[in-house]
Amino acid sequence: MPVLHLLADPAATESCLAAAAAGDSLLLLGDGVFAATRLASATTHLRMGALVEDAKQRGVALHGVEVLADADFVDWVVANDRSVTWT
């Protein structure tokens, strides 16, 4: 059962990664986009994405993760059996 991990606090990154399993997805929201560069180079077993508006508002360039619009967020939620929010 795939899980969608919603990472809103970069300080929770290590806990999130420890709990995530192969086949899960990780979506960076809000300040979670600050972890994008580090996660893109360190994680290969997760599908990763970030909301483009959150990255723009925080001046973060998104490389190595899927760039998502708000409508894509809904698709990710529907594609997973459950979600966990990391704050």
C-alpha atoms as a PDB file:
ATOM      1  CA  MET A   1       0.000   0.000   0.000  1.00  0.00           C
ATOM      2  CA  PRO A   2       1.729   3.178  -1.130  1.00  0.00           C
ATOM      3  CA  VAL A   3       1.894   6.060   1.309  1.00  0.00           C
ATOM      4  CA  LEU A   4       2.077   9.748   0.454  1.00  0.00           C
ATOM      5  CA  HIS A   5       4.455  11.545   2.824  1.00  0.00           C
ATOM      6  CA  LEU A   6       3.742  15.273   3.036  1.00  0.00           C
ATOM      7  CA  LEU A   7       6.860  17.035   4.281  1.00  0.00           C
ATOM      8  CA  ALA A   8       6.129  20.563   5.509  1.00  0.00           C
ATOM      9  CA  ASP A   9       9.045  20.966   7.924  1.00  0.00           C
ATOM     10  CA  PRO A  10      12.599  20.342   6.707  1.00  0.00           C
ATOM     11  CA  ALA A  11      13.594  19.472  10.299  1.00  0.00           C
ATOM     12  CA  ALA A  12      11.426  16.344   9.974  1.00  0.00           C
ATOM     13  CA  THR A  13      13.292  15.109   6.886  1.00  0.00           C
ATOM     14  CA  GLU A  14      15.287  12.353   8.612  1.00  0.00           C
ATOM     15  CA  SER A  15      12.229  10.954  10.401  1.00  0.00           C
ATOM     16  CA  CYS A  16      10.254  11.024   7.174  1.00  0.00           C
ATOM     17  CA  LEU A  17      12.961   9.191   5.236  1.00  0.00           C
ATOM     18  CA  ALA A  18      13.316   6.581   7.982  1.00  0.00           C
ATOM     19  CA  ALA A  19       9.587   5.821   7.783  1.00  0.00           C
ATOM     20  CA  ALA A  20       9.243   5.906   3.992  1.00  0.00           C
ATOM     21  CA  ALA A  21       9.353   2.651   2.054  1.00  0.00           C
ATOM     22  CA  ALA A  22      10.084   1.840  -1.576  1.00  0.00           C
ATOM     23  CA  GLY A  23       7.050   2.713  -3.663  1.00  0.00           C
ATOM     24  CA  ASP A  24       5.985   5.587  -1.406  1.00  0.00           C
ATOM     25  CA  SER A  25       5.779   9.192  -2.587  1.00  0.00           C
ATOM     26  CA  LEU A  26       7.171  12.302  -0.932  1.00  0.00           C
ATOM     27  CA  LEU A  27       5.597  15.685  -1.567  1.00  0.00           C
ATOM     28  CA  LEU A  28       7.337  18.834  -0.333  1.00  0.00           C
ATOM     29  CA  LEU A  29       4.938  21.521   0.856  1.00  0.00           C
ATOM     30  CA  GLY A  30       5.496  24.955   2.357  1.00  0.00           C
ATOM     31  CA  ASP A  31       8.908  25.184   4.016  1.00  0.00           C
ATOM     32  CA  GLY A  32       9.484  21.535   3.133  1.00  0.00           C
ATOM     33  CA  VAL A  33      10.729  22.733  -0.273  1.00  0.00           C
ATOM     34  CA  PHE A  34      13.947  23.814   1.456  1.00  0.00           C
ATOM     35  CA  ALA A  35      14.852  20.100   1.657  1.00  0.00           C
ATOM     36  CA  ALA A  36      14.475  19.580  -2.120  1.00  0.00           C
ATOM     37  CA  THR A  37      18.140  19.749  -3.142  1.00  0.00           C
ATOM     38  CA  ARG A  38      19.310  17.490  -0.341  1.00  0.00           C
ATOM     39  CA  LEU A  39      16.555  14.941  -0.918  1.00  0.00           C
ATOM     40  CA  ALA A  40      16.964  14.817  -4.689  1.00  0.00           C
ATOM     41  CA  SER A  41      20.559  13.676  -4.357  1.00  0.00           C
ATOM     42  CA  ALA A  42      20.047  11.353  -1.380  1.00  0.00           C
ATOM     43  CA  THR A  43      16.827   9.504  -2.190  1.00  0.00           C
ATOM     44  CA  THR A  44      16.189   7.192  -5.096  1.00  0.00           C
ATOM     45  CA  HIS A  45      13.505   4.852  -3.764  1.00  0.00           C
ATOM     46  CA  LEU A  46      10.755   7.477  -3.513  1.00  0.00           C
ATOM     47  CA  ARG A  47       8.768   9.410  -6.049  1.00  0.00           C
ATOM     48  CA  MET A  48       9.373  13.032  -5.069  1.00  0.00           C
ATOM     49  CA  GLY A  49       7.604  16.226  -5.955  1.00  0.00           C
ATOM     50  CA  ALA A  50       7.200  19.776  -4.758  1.00  0.00           C
ATOM     51  CA  LEU A  51       4.542  22.414  -5.242  1.00  0.00           C
ATOM     52  CA  VAL A  52       5.816  25.027  -7.660  1.00  0.00           C
ATOM     53  CA  GLU A  53       4.098  27.930  -5.893  1.00  0.00           C
ATOM     54  CA  ASP A  54       5.668  27.029  -2.544  1.00  0.00           C
ATOM     55  CA  ALA A  55       9.104  26.931  -4.179  1.00  0.00           C
ATOM     56  CA  LYS A  56       8.550  30.258  -5.965  1.00  0.00           C
ATOM     57  CA  GLN A  57       7.405  31.978  -2.774  1.00  0.00           C
ATOM     58  CA  ARG A  58      10.544  30.777  -0.970  1.00  0.00           C
ATOM     59  CA  GLY A  59      13.004  31.346  -3.821  1.00  0.00           C
ATOM     60  CA  VAL A  60      13.907  27.653  -4.081  1.00  0.00           C
ATOM     61  CA  ALA A  61      14.968  26.132  -7.396  1.00  0.00           C
ATOM     62  CA  LEU A  62      13.535  22.662  -7.895  1.00  0.00           C
ATOM     63  CA  HIS A  63      16.009  20.240  -9.450  1.00  0.00           C
ATOM     64  CA  GLY A  64      15.668  16.472  -9.273  1.00  0.00           C
ATOM     65  CA  VAL A  65      12.042  16.459  -8.107  1.00  0.00           C
ATOM     66  CA  GLU A  66       8.758  16.608  -9.986  1.00  0.00           C
ATOM     67  CA  VAL A  67       7.368  20.127 -10.133  1.00  0.00           C
ATOM     68  CA  LEU A  68       3.664  20.126  -9.327  1.00  0.00           C
ATOM     69  CA  ALA A  69       0.807  22.558  -9.718  1.00  0.00           C
ATOM     70  CA  ASP A  70      -2.007  22.527  -7.169  1.00  0.00           C
ATOM     71  CA  ALA A  71      -4.140  20.273  -9.391  1.00  0.00           C
ATOM     72  CA  ASP A  72      -1.331  17.692  -9.462  1.00  0.00           C
ATOM     73  CA  PHE A  73      -1.453  17.591  -5.657  1.00  0.00           C
ATOM     74  CA  VAL A  74      -4.939  16.069  -5.858  1.00  0.00           C
ATOM     75  CA  ASP A  75      -3.711  13.395  -8.278  1.00  0.00           C
ATOM     76  CA  TRP A  76      -0.935  12.412  -5.872  1.00  0.00           C
ATOM     77  CA  VAL A  77      -3.352  12.124  -2.951  1.00  0.00           C
ATOM     78  CA  VAL A  78      -5.744   9.953  -4.947  1.00  0.00           C
ATOM     79  CA  ALA A  79      -2.909   7.712  -6.179  1.00  0.00           C
ATOM     80  CA  ASN A  80      -1.928   6.685  -2.626  1.00  0.00           C
ATOM     81  CA  ASP A  81      -3.796   4.590  -0.095  1.00  0.00           C
ATOM     82  CA  ARG A  82      -3.002   6.875   2.818  1.00  0.00           C
ATOM     83  CA  SER A  83      -0.951   9.912   3.760  1.00  0.00           C
ATOM     84  CA  VAL A  84       1.311  11.002   6.609  1.00  0.00           C
ATOM     85  CA  THR A  85       2.092  14.640   7.319  1.00  0.00           C
ATOM     86  CA  TRP A  86       5.534  15.530   8.666  1.00  0.00           C
ATOM     87  CA  THR A  87       5.544  18.898  10.454  1.00  0.00           C
END
